[in-house]
Amino acid sequence: MKTAQDLKILLQNIDHKSYPAYKSAQGSYQFRNYVLSIDHVQGDPFASPSRVSIRVKGSAAAFPPSLYDTVQKKVALQDLLLRLFGEQIEQFNFKARGSGKSGLLAVSRCGQEILERSACAISAGDGGLTLQMQIGFPASGRTIQSRELIRILYDFLPGCVENSLFYKNISADLCRRTAELCEDQEYIREELRRRSLAAFIADGSVLPRRSGVSELPMKNAVAFRSPEALAVTLDLPHRGTIRGMGIPRGITLVVGGGFHGKSTLLKALERGVYNHIAGDGREYVITSADAVKLRAEDARSISQVDISLFINHLPGGRDTGNFSTEDASGSTSQAANMVEAMEAGSSLFLIDEDTSATNFMIRDELMQRVVSDAEEPITPFISRVRELYEKAGISSVIVAGSSGSYFHTADVVIQMKEYLPLDITEKAREEAARYPEVLTASSAFRMPSFRRIPRAGSALRGQERIKRKVLGHEGIQINKSSTDLRYLEQLADTEQLAALAYILSYSARHLMDGSRTLREIVDLLEEKMDREGLPALSDGPYLSSDLARPRRQEIFACLDRCRELSFTLRRQ
């Protein structure tokens, strides 16, 4: 391996040469206590920044194994190191001069959720770590300014590495508290299973966010407090006794006036599938990890989905046992979303009537009298929600502000009043008894078929070089094929979308040979990421973007929405 001095001499020799000469610097170099690798050099100073990685041996980093001896704690420590390193390099960002992106120093920007990211990886074996970052190699026009890069690599970067990637230079108390918070959060997740709870929200939690574009907690917000009837007390390993609201498995209805916090509560539950950092306000808002937010999604594509549980005898005799369309309606899209969530293994549905198809959610008694069941293809969700729980083990949390029909079937009714929950279950039952109940489903409950086999079109696998692009929070693009993901509301970071682009192209090229079902493909993808990490999805020597691991549910949802995939049903 070359030395740091070798790199300095090389850079001095290419100063004021044409920009492509930077390519000669690619390789690995031994600095005093870490290895710096220049993995990819940008084409010009206006292109995406160069990719650089830093590797520190476990014996040098010296983090105690107790900080990363479980998968969850390892992810939490990686997240902490990325945040610390990001704070360090921010003070030097663009301090080196030049054109375009010259002098840029960047690393993954972590949000409020703690996610597994490719930008930092700790070896569970020896504690060695690798951190990936971007550096804008300086130039004036297209003329190399290598002395400015020398400033970055030899004056700025070593101190940043020392102050954030070595245990001796980091607050041991901060590291300990990060691991302990993670253990407490995972303890609550285990308690959900043991106590048959769908979710837990600790007293004192801050659910409202600062604004529509900020995930930071709202200042001076009303702190959450559980109603006594739903209060649960947990004894956490580190924080000790904690009290909060336990949402039991079954059917929970959330009601209340407008602007009183119904959707805010549901949003917190949506994001409760992830662990959150200290100070977020939702550190102890924990939801079943497989929970899925469901909604109507007009115009999405659907391929060979068995929606017969909810929709039958469509005009024209269309088969809803293997339903396909390029332009779904609100009701067919929500039915497909629900069945696909079942296929992905969800045990908890999160639903807001504001984003649902009205005719999918409810048909009141008067409508049933005027338009008979025989003339209505839709079996509404209200007629299936009880069976979904009792026969398929799927709980539901439903936000409703206008229709009281779900009072008849709900196990628990929570009223949000000025951001505080009230248990009004008994009152709701008494009032519901005065009104006729919506009739039950006329057809028998039957579990949908999940034996779907995907095949990829040439746009995903027909080219030697795959071009991937993240379209903000809206979706992803593989070559010229776009996949709309804007309604997957539990995607917390654009790096998860970047990972989905890699997952889609990898599975299309390597797993979709016509012999595997969608479930089998996602199982293999998860096994590969568990075993080899996110970089295993790359088909080249390096990842062209930073990735954050999406949940199993979002992997299914992405593959289901890709218009370049066609599905067939495997017959028994």
Protein backbone atom coordinates (compact mmCIF):
# COMPACT_ATOMS: atom_id res chain seq x y z
CA MET A 1 0.00 0.00 0.00
CA LYS A 2 1.20 3.50 -0.82
CA THR A 3 1.86 6.05 1.89
CA ALA A 4 0.36 9.44 2.62
CA GLN A 5 3.64 10.98 1.45
CA ASP A 6 3.32 9.18 -1.90
CA LEU A 7 -0.09 10.79 -2.38
CA LYS A 8 1.22 14.24 -1.50
CA ILE A 9 4.04 13.95 -4.03
CA LEU A 10 1.61 12.75 -6.70
CA LEU A 11 -0.71 15.70 -6.06
CA GLN A 12 2.15 18.17 -6.17
CA ASN A 13 3.24 16.74 -9.51
CA ILE A 14 -0.18 17.17 -11.14
CA ASP A 15 -0.80 20.71 -9.91
CA HIS A 16 -2.11 22.99 -12.71
CA LYS A 17 -2.58 20.06 -15.08
CA SER A 18 -5.86 19.25 -16.80
CA TYR A 19 -8.58 17.90 -14.48
CA PRO A 20 -8.46 14.26 -15.71
CA ALA A 21 -4.99 13.95 -14.16
CA TYR A 22 -6.72 13.64 -10.78
CA LYS A 23 -7.67 10.11 -11.89
CA SER A 24 -4.10 9.01 -11.21
CA ALA A 25 -4.71 9.56 -7.49
CA GLN A 26 -7.19 6.71 -7.22
CA GLY A 27 -6.04 4.08 -4.76
CA SER A 28 -5.41 3.54 -1.04
CA TYR A 29 -2.92 5.41 1.12
CA GLN A 30 -1.75 4.77 4.66
CA PHE A 31 -2.03 7.81 6.87
CA ARG A 32 -0.83 7.83 10.48
CA ASN A 33 -3.74 5.91 12.01
CA TYR A 34 -6.15 5.29 9.14
CA VAL A 35 -6.25 4.35 5.47
CA LEU A 36 -7.64 6.88 3.02
CA SER A 37 -8.96 5.49 -0.26
CA ILE A 38 -9.81 7.61 -3.27
CA ASP A 39 -12.45 5.36 -4.78
CA HIS A 40 -13.81 7.50 -7.61
CA VAL A 41 -12.71 10.83 -9.06
CA GLN A 42 -15.29 13.19 -10.52
CA GLY A 43 -15.06 14.05 -14.20
CA ASP A 44 -14.83 17.82 -13.68
CA PRO A 45 -15.28 20.28 -10.78
CA PHE A 46 -18.98 20.71 -11.61
CA ALA A 47 -19.79 16.98 -11.55
CA SER A 48 -20.86 14.91 -8.56
CA PRO A 49 -18.05 15.05 -5.96
CA SER A 50 -15.32 12.45 -5.72
CA ARG A 51 -15.88 9.44 -3.46
CA VAL A 52 -13.43 8.90 -0.64
CA SER A 53 -13.45 6.30 2.14
CA ILE A 54 -11.66 6.18 5.47
CA ARG A 55 -10.82 2.88 7.16
CA VAL A 56 -9.80 2.61 10.78
CA LYS A 57 -8.64 -0.65 12.34
CA GLY A 58 -10.66 -1.92 15.26
CA SER A 59 -7.62 -1.85 17.53
CA ALA A 60 -7.12 1.84 16.73
CA ALA A 61 -10.78 2.90 16.89
CA ALA A 62 -11.05 0.90 20.14
CA PHE A 63 -14.80 1.09 20.64
CA PRO A 64 -15.91 -1.31 23.40
CA PRO A 65 -17.74 -4.33 21.92
CA SER A 66 -20.65 -3.63 24.27
CA LEU A 67 -21.47 -0.63 22.05
CA TYR A 68 -22.06 -2.77 18.93
CA ASP A 69 -22.76 -6.34 20.11
CA THR A 70 -26.25 -6.40 18.59
CA VAL A 71 -27.37 -5.37 15.12
CA GLN A 72 -29.50 -2.53 16.50
CA LYS A 73 -26.71 -1.13 18.71
CA LYS A 74 -24.23 -1.35 15.83
CA VAL A 75 -26.58 0.69 13.62
CA ALA A 76 -27.04 3.23 16.44
CA LEU A 77 -23.27 3.61 16.89
CA GLN A 78 -22.72 3.97 13.14
CA ASP A 79 -25.41 6.65 13.12
CA LEU A 80 -23.71 8.51 15.98
CA LEU A 81 -20.30 8.44 14.28
CA LEU A 82 -21.76 9.79 11.04
CA ARG A 83 -23.35 12.68 12.94
CA LEU A 84 -20.12 13.46 14.80
CA PHE A 85 -18.03 13.30 11.63
CA GLY A 86 -20.54 15.50 9.82
CA GLU A 87 -20.24 18.14 12.54
CA GLN A 88 -16.46 18.06 12.24
CA ILE A 89 -16.23 18.49 8.47
CA GLU A 90 -18.91 21.19 8.35
CA GLN A 91 -16.43 23.73 9.73
CA PHE A 92 -14.16 23.11 6.71
CA ASN A 93 -16.81 22.85 4.01
CA PHE A 94 -15.82 24.96 0.97
CA LYS A 95 -12.80 26.39 2.85
CA ALA A 96 -10.64 25.16 -0.02
CA ARG A 97 -11.04 27.46 -3.03
CA GLY A 98 -11.96 26.67 -6.63
CA SER A 99 -14.70 26.36 -9.24
CA GLY A 100 -17.96 24.46 -9.01
CA LYS A 101 -17.98 21.93 -6.19
CA SER A 102 -14.32 22.54 -5.32
CA GLY A 103 -13.79 22.28 -1.59
CA LEU A 104 -17.09 20.56 -0.83
CA LEU A 105 -16.91 18.14 2.10
CA ALA A 106 -20.00 16.02 2.65
CA VAL A 107 -21.22 12.88 4.36
CA SER A 108 -24.67 11.36 4.74
CA ARG A 109 -27.02 13.75 6.54
CA CYS A 110 -28.83 11.76 9.19
CA GLY A 111 -32.37 12.77 10.08
CA GLN A 112 -34.39 12.07 13.22
CA GLU A 113 -34.62 8.34 12.49
CA ILE A 114 -31.72 5.95 13.09
CA LEU A 115 -31.15 4.02 9.87
CA GLU A 116 -28.60 1.52 8.65
CA ARG A 117 -26.51 3.43 6.07
CA SER A 118 -23.74 2.45 3.69
CA ALA A 119 -21.82 5.61 4.65
CA CYS A 120 -20.56 4.06 7.89
CA ALA A 121 -20.00 0.39 8.61
CA ILE A 122 -18.56 -1.23 11.72
CA SER A 123 -17.27 -4.79 11.56
CA ALA A 124 -19.03 -6.92 14.17
CA GLY A 125 -15.91 -9.07 14.34
CA ASP A 126 -13.02 -6.74 15.17
CA GLY A 127 -14.72 -3.34 15.48
CA GLY A 128 -12.96 -1.89 12.46
CA LEU A 129 -14.91 0.83 10.71
CA THR A 130 -15.23 2.31 7.25
CA LEU A 131 -16.68 5.75 6.57
CA GLN A 132 -17.51 7.05 3.11
CA MET A 133 -17.63 10.72 2.20
CA GLN A 134 -17.62 13.07 -0.78
CA ILE A 135 -14.94 15.66 -1.56
CA GLY A 136 -15.05 18.21 -4.33
CA PHE A 137 -11.54 18.02 -5.79
CA PRO A 138 -10.48 21.66 -6.31
CA ALA A 139 -9.82 23.23 -9.69
CA SER A 140 -9.86 26.61 -11.37
CA GLY A 141 -12.01 25.98 -14.40
CA ARG A 142 -10.66 22.60 -15.51
CA THR A 143 -7.15 23.27 -14.20
CA ILE A 144 -6.18 21.25 -11.11
CA GLN A 145 -5.55 23.18 -7.90
CA SER A 146 -3.97 20.28 -6.03
CA ARG A 147 -2.50 22.45 -3.26
CA GLU A 148 -6.07 23.11 -2.17
CA LEU A 149 -6.75 19.34 -2.13
CA ILE A 150 -3.59 18.88 -0.05
CA ARG A 151 -5.05 21.35 2.46
CA ILE A 152 -8.20 19.23 2.64
CA LEU A 153 -6.48 15.87 2.97
CA TYR A 154 -3.58 16.87 5.22
CA ASP A 155 -4.77 19.92 7.19
CA PHE A 156 -8.55 19.54 7.52
CA LEU A 157 -9.37 15.84 7.36
CA PRO A 158 -6.95 14.26 9.91
CA GLY A 159 -8.38 16.28 12.79
CA CYS A 160 -11.94 15.43 11.74
CA VAL A 161 -11.08 11.73 11.71
CA GLU A 162 -9.30 11.93 15.08
CA ASN A 163 -12.14 13.77 16.78
CA SER A 164 -14.99 11.57 15.59
CA LEU A 165 -13.83 8.04 14.77
CA PHE A 166 -11.65 7.16 17.76
CA TYR A 167 -13.29 6.19 21.03
CA LYS A 168 -10.64 7.91 23.15
CA ASN A 169 -11.57 11.28 21.65
CA ILE A 170 -15.36 10.93 21.90
CA SER A 171 -17.51 11.37 24.98
CA ALA A 172 -17.75 7.90 26.51
CA ASP A 173 -20.96 9.03 28.21
CA LEU A 174 -22.50 9.96 24.84
CA CYS A 175 -21.61 6.55 23.41
CA ARG A 176 -23.01 4.80 26.46
CA ARG A 177 -26.27 6.77 26.38
CA THR A 178 -26.67 6.00 22.66
CA ALA A 179 -26.34 2.26 23.30
CA GLU A 180 -28.63 2.39 26.33
CA LEU A 181 -31.36 4.27 24.45
CA CYS A 182 -31.19 1.66 21.71
CA GLU A 183 -31.50 -1.17 24.24
CA ASP A 184 -34.50 0.54 25.86
CA GLN A 185 -36.18 1.00 22.48
CA GLU A 186 -35.65 -2.63 21.54
CA TYR A 187 -36.93 -3.69 24.95
CA ILE A 188 -40.19 -1.83 24.26
CA ARG A 189 -40.48 -3.59 20.89
CA GLU A 190 -40.20 -6.94 22.66
CA GLU A 191 -42.80 -5.83 25.21
CA LEU A 192 -45.22 -5.03 22.38
CA ARG A 193 -45.11 -8.67 21.38
CA ARG A 194 -45.29 -9.99 24.93
CA ARG A 195 -48.22 -7.75 25.90
CA SER A 196 -50.17 -8.02 22.61
CA LEU A 197 -49.76 -4.31 21.92
CA ALA A 198 -49.65 -2.68 18.49
CA ALA A 199 -47.83 0.43 19.70
CA PHE A 200 -46.65 2.36 22.76
CA ILE A 201 -46.40 6.14 23.23
CA ALA A 202 -44.60 7.32 26.36
CA ASP A 203 -45.93 10.11 28.53
CA GLY A 204 -43.98 13.29 27.84
CA SER A 205 -43.47 12.48 24.18
CA VAL A 206 -43.60 15.42 21.76
CA LEU A 207 -45.51 14.32 18.67
CA PRO A 208 -46.00 17.56 16.65
CA ARG A 209 -43.21 18.56 14.30
CA ARG A 210 -41.87 22.09 13.89
CA SER A 211 -43.29 22.58 10.39
CA GLY A 212 -44.36 20.77 7.25
CA VAL A 213 -40.76 20.78 6.05
CA SER A 214 -39.01 20.12 9.37
CA GLU A 215 -38.95 16.87 11.33
CA LEU A 216 -37.59 18.62 14.43
CA PRO A 217 -39.92 18.64 17.47
CA MET A 218 -42.25 21.61 17.79
CA LYS A 219 -41.24 24.08 20.46
CA ASN A 220 -43.72 24.54 23.34
CA ALA A 221 -45.84 21.65 22.06
CA VAL A 222 -48.32 19.85 24.31
CA ALA A 223 -46.59 16.85 25.88
CA PHE A 224 -48.39 13.54 25.38
CA ARG A 225 -50.10 11.89 28.35
CA SER A 226 -51.95 8.58 28.31
CA PRO A 227 -55.53 8.24 29.51
CA GLU A 228 -55.65 6.07 32.61
CA ALA A 229 -57.63 3.27 30.96
CA LEU A 230 -54.91 2.71 28.34
CA ALA A 231 -51.91 3.41 30.56
CA VAL A 232 -49.09 0.87 30.51
CA THR A 233 -46.04 0.90 32.79
CA LEU A 234 -42.75 -0.56 31.58
CA ASP A 235 -39.52 -1.11 33.46
CA LEU A 236 -36.80 -0.33 30.92
CA PRO A 237 -33.28 -1.74 31.37
CA HIS A 238 -31.67 1.71 31.63
CA ARG A 239 -34.23 4.51 31.95
CA GLY A 240 -36.22 2.55 34.51
CA THR A 241 -39.96 2.91 34.98
CA ILE A 242 -41.81 4.60 32.14
CA ARG A 243 -45.54 5.13 31.70
CA GLY A 244 -47.41 5.64 28.45
CA MET A 245 -50.33 4.68 26.27
CA GLY A 246 -50.43 1.12 25.02
CA ILE A 247 -52.52 0.61 21.89
CA PRO A 248 -53.78 -2.97 22.10
CA ARG A 249 -53.87 -5.30 19.14
CA GLY A 250 -57.27 -5.31 17.49
CA ILE A 251 -59.18 -2.37 16.03
CA THR A 252 -58.44 1.11 17.34
CA LEU A 253 -60.38 4.15 16.16
CA VAL A 254 -58.90 7.65 16.57
CA VAL A 255 -61.46 10.47 16.40
CA GLY A 256 -61.75 14.14 17.31
CA GLY A 257 -62.28 17.57 15.87
CA GLY A 258 -60.15 19.06 13.14
CA PHE A 259 -56.67 20.30 14.18
CA HIS A 260 -56.77 18.41 17.50
CA GLY A 261 -53.94 16.00 16.68
CA LYS A 262 -55.47 12.89 15.05
CA SER A 263 -53.17 12.88 12.03
CA THR A 264 -50.23 13.95 14.20
CA LEU A 265 -50.76 10.86 16.34
CA LEU A 266 -50.98 8.63 13.26
CA LYS A 267 -47.83 10.20 11.79
CA ALA A 268 -45.95 9.43 14.99
CA LEU A 269 -47.13 5.83 14.79
CA GLU A 270 -46.03 5.63 11.14
CA ARG A 271 -42.50 6.69 12.06
CA GLY A 272 -42.51 4.59 15.23
CA VAL A 273 -41.37 1.65 13.10
CA TYR A 274 -37.91 3.28 13.35
CA ASN A 275 -35.82 4.14 16.40
CA HIS A 276 -35.31 7.88 16.95
CA ILE A 277 -32.40 9.89 18.31
CA ALA A 278 -32.36 11.40 21.79
CA GLY A 279 -34.12 14.77 21.87
CA ASP A 280 -36.48 13.97 19.00
CA GLY A 281 -39.50 13.78 21.29
CA ARG A 282 -40.51 10.40 19.84
CA GLU A 283 -37.70 8.31 21.31
CA TYR A 284 -40.25 6.18 23.14
CA VAL A 285 -42.93 6.09 20.45
CA ILE A 286 -42.60 2.50 19.33
CA THR A 287 -44.84 0.80 16.75
CA SER A 288 -44.86 -2.79 15.52
CA ALA A 289 -41.92 -2.89 13.12
CA ASP A 290 -44.02 -4.27 10.24
CA ALA A 291 -46.78 -1.64 10.44
CA VAL A 292 -47.85 -0.16 7.09
CA LYS A 293 -49.56 3.16 6.36
CA LEU A 294 -52.22 2.52 3.73
CA ARG A 295 -54.04 4.95 1.47
CA ALA A 296 -55.70 5.33 -1.91
CA GLU A 297 -53.28 5.82 -4.77
CA ASP A 298 -55.09 6.78 -7.94
CA ALA A 299 -53.44 5.90 -11.26
CA ARG A 300 -50.88 3.46 -9.87
CA SER A 301 -50.14 0.28 -11.78
CA ILE A 302 -51.24 -3.08 -10.37
CA SER A 303 -50.08 -6.44 -11.69
CA GLN A 304 -51.75 -9.77 -10.90
CA VAL A 305 -52.95 -8.93 -7.37
CA ASP A 306 -55.76 -10.95 -5.78
CA ILE A 307 -58.12 -8.20 -4.58
CA SER A 308 -61.18 -10.47 -4.45
CA LEU A 309 -61.33 -10.08 -0.66
CA PHE A 310 -62.55 -6.53 -1.28
CA ILE A 311 -63.69 -6.29 -4.91
CA ASN A 312 -65.70 -8.73 -7.04
CA HIS A 313 -67.96 -8.96 -10.13
CA LEU A 314 -66.56 -5.88 -11.83
CA PRO A 315 -68.36 -4.72 -14.99
CA GLY A 316 -67.11 -6.61 -18.00
CA GLY A 317 -66.37 -9.72 -15.96
CA ARG A 318 -62.82 -8.70 -15.03
CA ASP A 319 -61.12 -11.26 -12.81
CA THR A 320 -60.28 -9.72 -9.42
CA GLY A 321 -58.49 -12.89 -8.33
CA ASN A 322 -55.56 -11.79 -10.50
CA PHE A 323 -56.32 -8.13 -11.09
CA SER A 324 -54.13 -5.90 -13.28
CA THR A 325 -54.43 -2.31 -14.42
CA GLU A 326 -52.18 0.53 -15.54
CA ASP A 327 -54.50 3.17 -14.07
CA ALA A 328 -56.04 2.11 -10.77
CA SER A 329 -58.99 3.89 -9.18
CA GLY A 330 -58.97 5.00 -5.56
CA SER A 331 -60.79 1.89 -4.38
CA THR A 332 -58.85 -0.68 -6.46
CA SER A 333 -55.54 0.94 -5.51
CA GLN A 334 -56.36 0.85 -1.81
CA ALA A 335 -57.52 -2.75 -2.07
CA ALA A 336 -54.28 -3.70 -3.83
CA ASN A 337 -52.19 -1.75 -1.30
CA MET A 338 -53.87 -3.69 1.50
CA VAL A 339 -53.35 -7.10 -0.09
CA GLU A 340 -49.73 -6.27 -0.96
CA ALA A 341 -49.13 -5.23 2.67
CA MET A 342 -50.50 -8.61 3.73
CA GLU A 343 -48.10 -10.26 1.26
CA ALA A 344 -45.22 -8.29 2.81
CA GLY A 345 -46.13 -9.67 6.26
CA SER A 346 -47.66 -6.62 7.92
CA SER A 347 -49.55 -7.23 11.17
CA LEU A 348 -50.73 -3.62 11.60
CA PHE A 349 -52.55 -1.30 9.19
CA LEU A 350 -52.46 2.47 9.76
CA ILE A 351 -55.24 4.28 7.90
CA ASP A 352 -56.42 7.89 7.71
CA GLU A 353 -59.85 8.44 6.18
CA ASP A 354 -58.61 11.74 4.69
CA THR A 355 -56.30 9.85 2.31
CA SER A 356 -58.59 6.86 1.72
CA ALA A 357 -61.16 6.12 -0.94
CA THR A 358 -64.53 6.77 0.71
CA ASN A 359 -66.33 3.97 -1.12
CA PHE A 360 -63.59 1.53 -0.10
CA MET A 361 -63.84 2.42 3.59
CA ILE A 362 -67.60 2.54 4.18
CA ARG A 363 -71.10 2.03 2.75
CA ASP A 364 -73.72 3.32 5.14
CA GLU A 365 -77.10 1.67 5.66
CA LEU A 366 -79.01 4.09 3.46
CA MET A 367 -76.63 3.53 0.54
CA GLN A 368 -76.95 -0.23 1.02
CA ARG A 369 -80.72 0.05 0.86
CA VAL A 370 -80.66 2.15 -2.30
CA VAL A 371 -77.84 0.27 -4.08
CA SER A 372 -77.98 -3.40 -3.16
CA ASP A 373 -74.90 -5.49 -2.40
CA ALA A 374 -75.52 -7.43 -5.61
CA GLU A 375 -75.00 -4.22 -7.59
CA GLU A 376 -71.90 -3.07 -5.66
CA PRO A 377 -68.54 -4.73 -6.52
CA ILE A 378 -66.81 -3.35 -3.39
CA THR A 379 -66.87 -5.09 -0.04
CA PRO A 380 -65.84 -2.11 2.10
CA PHE A 381 -63.03 -2.28 4.62
CA ILE A 382 -65.46 -1.83 7.50
CA SER A 383 -66.96 -5.20 6.59
CA ARG A 384 -63.56 -6.91 6.61
CA VAL A 385 -61.63 -5.18 9.39
CA ARG A 386 -62.87 -7.53 12.13
CA GLU A 387 -62.17 -10.64 10.06
CA LEU A 388 -58.70 -9.35 9.18
CA TYR A 389 -57.88 -9.29 12.87
CA GLU A 390 -59.59 -12.49 13.94
CA LYS A 391 -58.65 -14.63 10.92
CA ALA A 392 -55.41 -13.07 9.67
CA GLY A 393 -54.03 -11.49 12.86
CA ILE A 394 -53.90 -8.00 11.34
CA SER A 395 -54.71 -5.08 13.63
CA SER A 396 -55.84 -1.65 12.43
CA VAL A 397 -55.50 1.91 13.70
CA ILE A 398 -58.00 4.09 11.84
CA VAL A 399 -58.27 7.87 11.98
CA ALA A 400 -61.81 9.09 11.33
CA GLY A 401 -63.20 12.59 11.56
CA SER A 402 -66.53 12.42 9.75
CA SER A 403 -67.95 8.88 9.75
CA GLY A 404 -69.01 7.20 12.99
CA SER A 405 -69.68 3.81 11.41
CA TYR A 406 -66.47 2.30 12.78
CA PHE A 407 -67.71 2.86 16.35
CA HIS A 408 -69.63 -0.40 16.02
CA THR A 409 -66.57 -2.52 15.29
CA ALA A 410 -63.78 -0.74 17.22
CA ASP A 411 -62.24 -2.37 20.29
CA VAL A 412 -60.82 0.96 21.49
CA VAL A 413 -61.89 4.51 20.63
CA ILE A 414 -59.46 7.36 21.33
CA GLN A 415 -60.52 10.98 21.05
CA MET A 416 -57.77 13.51 20.45
CA LYS A 417 -58.56 16.80 22.16
CA GLU A 418 -55.99 19.60 21.98
CA TYR A 419 -53.29 16.99 21.26
CA LEU A 420 -54.17 14.88 24.32
CA PRO A 421 -55.83 11.45 24.04
CA LEU A 422 -59.05 10.55 25.84
CA ASP A 423 -60.43 7.02 26.08
CA ILE A 424 -64.08 7.32 24.99
CA THR A 425 -64.67 3.65 24.18
CA GLU A 426 -67.67 3.19 26.46
CA LYS A 427 -69.29 6.44 25.40
CA ALA A 428 -68.83 5.54 21.73
CA ARG A 429 -70.42 2.12 22.27
CA GLU A 430 -73.41 3.62 24.04
CA GLU A 431 -74.00 6.12 21.25
CA ALA A 432 -73.39 3.52 18.52
CA ALA A 433 -76.11 1.32 20.02
CA ARG A 434 -78.66 3.98 19.07
CA TYR A 435 -77.77 3.75 15.38
CA PRO A 436 -78.03 0.84 12.94
CA GLU A 437 -74.83 -1.07 12.31
CA VAL A 438 -73.39 -1.30 8.81
CA LEU A 439 -74.16 -4.71 7.39
CA THR A 440 -71.40 -7.31 7.34
CA ALA A 441 -69.70 -8.71 4.26
CA SER A 442 -71.90 -10.90 2.11
CA SER A 443 -69.03 -13.07 0.84
CA ALA A 444 -66.91 -15.41 2.93
CA PHE A 445 -63.45 -14.36 4.09
CA ARG A 446 -60.69 -15.97 2.03
CA MET A 447 -56.98 -15.24 2.29
CA PRO A 448 -55.61 -13.79 -0.98
CA SER A 449 -53.16 -15.72 -3.11
CA PHE A 450 -49.55 -14.55 -2.76
CA ARG A 451 -47.86 -16.82 -5.33
CA ARG A 452 -46.83 -14.01 -7.66
CA ILE A 453 -43.72 -14.38 -9.84
CA PRO A 454 -42.18 -11.14 -11.18
CA ARG A 455 -40.30 -10.78 -14.45
CA ALA A 456 -38.27 -7.73 -15.42
CA GLY A 457 -38.52 -5.89 -18.71
CA SER A 458 -35.49 -4.99 -20.81
CA ALA A 459 -35.41 -1.43 -19.45
CA LEU A 460 -34.20 -2.85 -16.12
CA ARG A 461 -31.86 -5.59 -17.24
CA GLY A 462 -31.11 -5.16 -20.93
CA GLN A 463 -28.24 -2.70 -20.67
CA GLU A 464 -24.71 -3.35 -19.53
CA ARG A 465 -24.48 -0.15 -17.51
CA ILE A 466 -27.37 0.71 -15.23
CA LYS A 467 -28.15 4.37 -14.60
CA ARG A 468 -29.99 5.05 -11.35
CA LYS A 469 -31.49 8.31 -10.23
CA VAL A 470 -33.44 9.42 -7.17
CA LEU A 471 -36.27 11.82 -8.01
CA GLY A 472 -36.33 13.63 -4.66
CA HIS A 473 -38.97 12.05 -2.44
CA GLU A 474 -41.13 11.31 -5.47
CA GLY A 475 -39.58 8.13 -6.82
CA ILE A 476 -36.65 6.53 -8.60
CA GLN A 477 -35.50 6.11 -12.18
CA ILE A 478 -33.65 3.11 -13.64
CA ASN A 479 -32.34 3.97 -17.08
CA LYS A 480 -35.49 5.50 -18.62
CA SER A 481 -38.00 3.71 -16.38
CA SER A 482 -39.50 5.70 -13.50
CA THR A 483 -41.21 4.22 -10.43
CA ASP A 484 -43.54 6.47 -8.46
CA LEU A 485 -42.98 6.10 -4.69
CA ARG A 486 -44.42 9.41 -3.47
CA TYR A 487 -47.21 7.73 -1.49
CA LEU A 488 -44.93 5.45 0.52
CA GLU A 489 -45.19 7.72 3.53
CA GLN A 490 -42.94 5.65 5.80
CA LEU A 491 -39.85 6.23 3.67
CA ALA A 492 -37.92 8.57 5.96
CA ASP A 493 -34.88 9.46 3.85
CA THR A 494 -33.98 9.88 0.18
CA GLU A 495 -31.08 7.47 0.77
CA GLN A 496 -33.73 4.77 1.26
CA LEU A 497 -35.01 5.61 -2.22
CA ALA A 498 -31.45 5.34 -3.54
CA ALA A 499 -31.21 1.89 -1.95
CA LEU A 500 -34.52 0.89 -3.54
CA ALA A 501 -33.07 1.84 -6.94
CA TYR A 502 -30.17 -0.54 -6.32
CA ILE A 503 -32.52 -3.23 -4.97
CA LEU A 504 -34.77 -2.98 -8.03
CA SER A 505 -31.94 -3.17 -10.55
CA TYR A 506 -30.10 -5.92 -8.64
CA SER A 507 -33.17 -8.13 -8.29
CA ALA A 508 -34.14 -7.58 -11.95
CA ARG A 509 -30.68 -8.65 -13.14
CA HIS A 510 -29.95 -11.48 -10.72
CA LEU A 511 -33.10 -12.85 -9.08
CA MET A 512 -36.05 -12.51 -11.46
CA ASP A 513 -35.50 -15.58 -13.61
CA GLY A 514 -39.11 -16.72 -13.54
CA SER A 515 -38.61 -19.36 -10.85
CA ARG A 516 -39.06 -17.27 -7.68
CA THR A 517 -42.07 -15.65 -6.11
CA LEU A 518 -41.93 -12.06 -4.93
CA ARG A 519 -41.70 -13.23 -1.32
CA GLU A 520 -38.77 -15.51 -2.15
CA ILE A 521 -36.97 -12.65 -3.93
CA VAL A 522 -37.40 -10.25 -1.01
CA ASP A 523 -36.22 -12.98 1.39
CA LEU A 524 -33.03 -13.39 -0.66
CA LEU A 525 -32.48 -9.62 -0.81
CA GLU A 526 -32.80 -9.29 2.95
CA GLU A 527 -30.50 -12.25 3.56
CA LYS A 528 -27.88 -10.69 1.29
CA MET A 529 -28.10 -7.29 3.01
CA ASP A 530 -27.95 -8.96 6.44
CA ARG A 531 -24.88 -10.95 5.42
CA GLU A 532 -22.94 -8.51 3.24
CA GLY A 533 -24.41 -5.08 3.87
CA LEU A 534 -25.85 -2.54 1.46
CA PRO A 535 -22.74 -2.39 -0.80
CA ALA A 536 -23.50 -5.98 -1.87
CA LEU A 537 -26.27 -4.56 -4.08
CA SER A 538 -23.81 -2.72 -6.31
CA ASP A 539 -22.81 -4.15 -9.67
CA GLY A 540 -19.61 -2.11 -9.79
CA PRO A 541 -16.51 -1.46 -7.68
CA TYR A 542 -18.19 1.26 -5.60
CA LEU A 543 -21.60 2.67 -4.77
CA SER A 544 -22.43 5.78 -6.76
CA SER A 545 -24.59 7.11 -3.93
CA ASP A 546 -25.06 6.72 -0.20
CA LEU A 547 -27.76 4.24 0.74
CA ALA A 548 -30.02 3.75 3.75
CA ARG A 549 -31.71 0.42 4.22
CA PRO A 550 -35.47 0.39 3.60
CA ARG A 551 -37.80 -1.93 5.45
CA ARG A 552 -39.09 -5.15 3.96
CA GLN A 553 -42.49 -3.49 3.51
CA GLU A 554 -41.08 -0.70 1.31
CA ILE A 555 -39.10 -3.20 -0.77
CA PHE A 556 -42.33 -5.02 -1.59
CA ALA A 557 -44.10 -1.73 -2.28
CA CYS A 558 -41.37 -0.54 -4.65
CA LEU A 559 -41.34 -3.76 -6.66
CA ASP A 560 -45.14 -3.75 -6.79
CA ARG A 561 -45.17 -0.22 -8.26
CA CYS A 562 -42.53 -0.74 -10.93
CA ARG A 563 -44.24 -0.68 -14.32
CA GLU A 564 -41.34 -2.59 -15.89
CA LEU A 565 -42.19 -5.67 -13.82
CA SER A 566 -44.90 -8.07 -14.93
CA PHE A 567 -46.27 -10.75 -12.64
CA THR A 568 -47.74 -14.19 -13.19
CA LEU A 569 -49.52 -16.36 -10.63
CA ARG A 570 -47.91 -19.67 -9.75
CA ARG A 571 -50.55 -22.36 -9.79
CA GLN A 572 -50.62 -24.96 -7.03
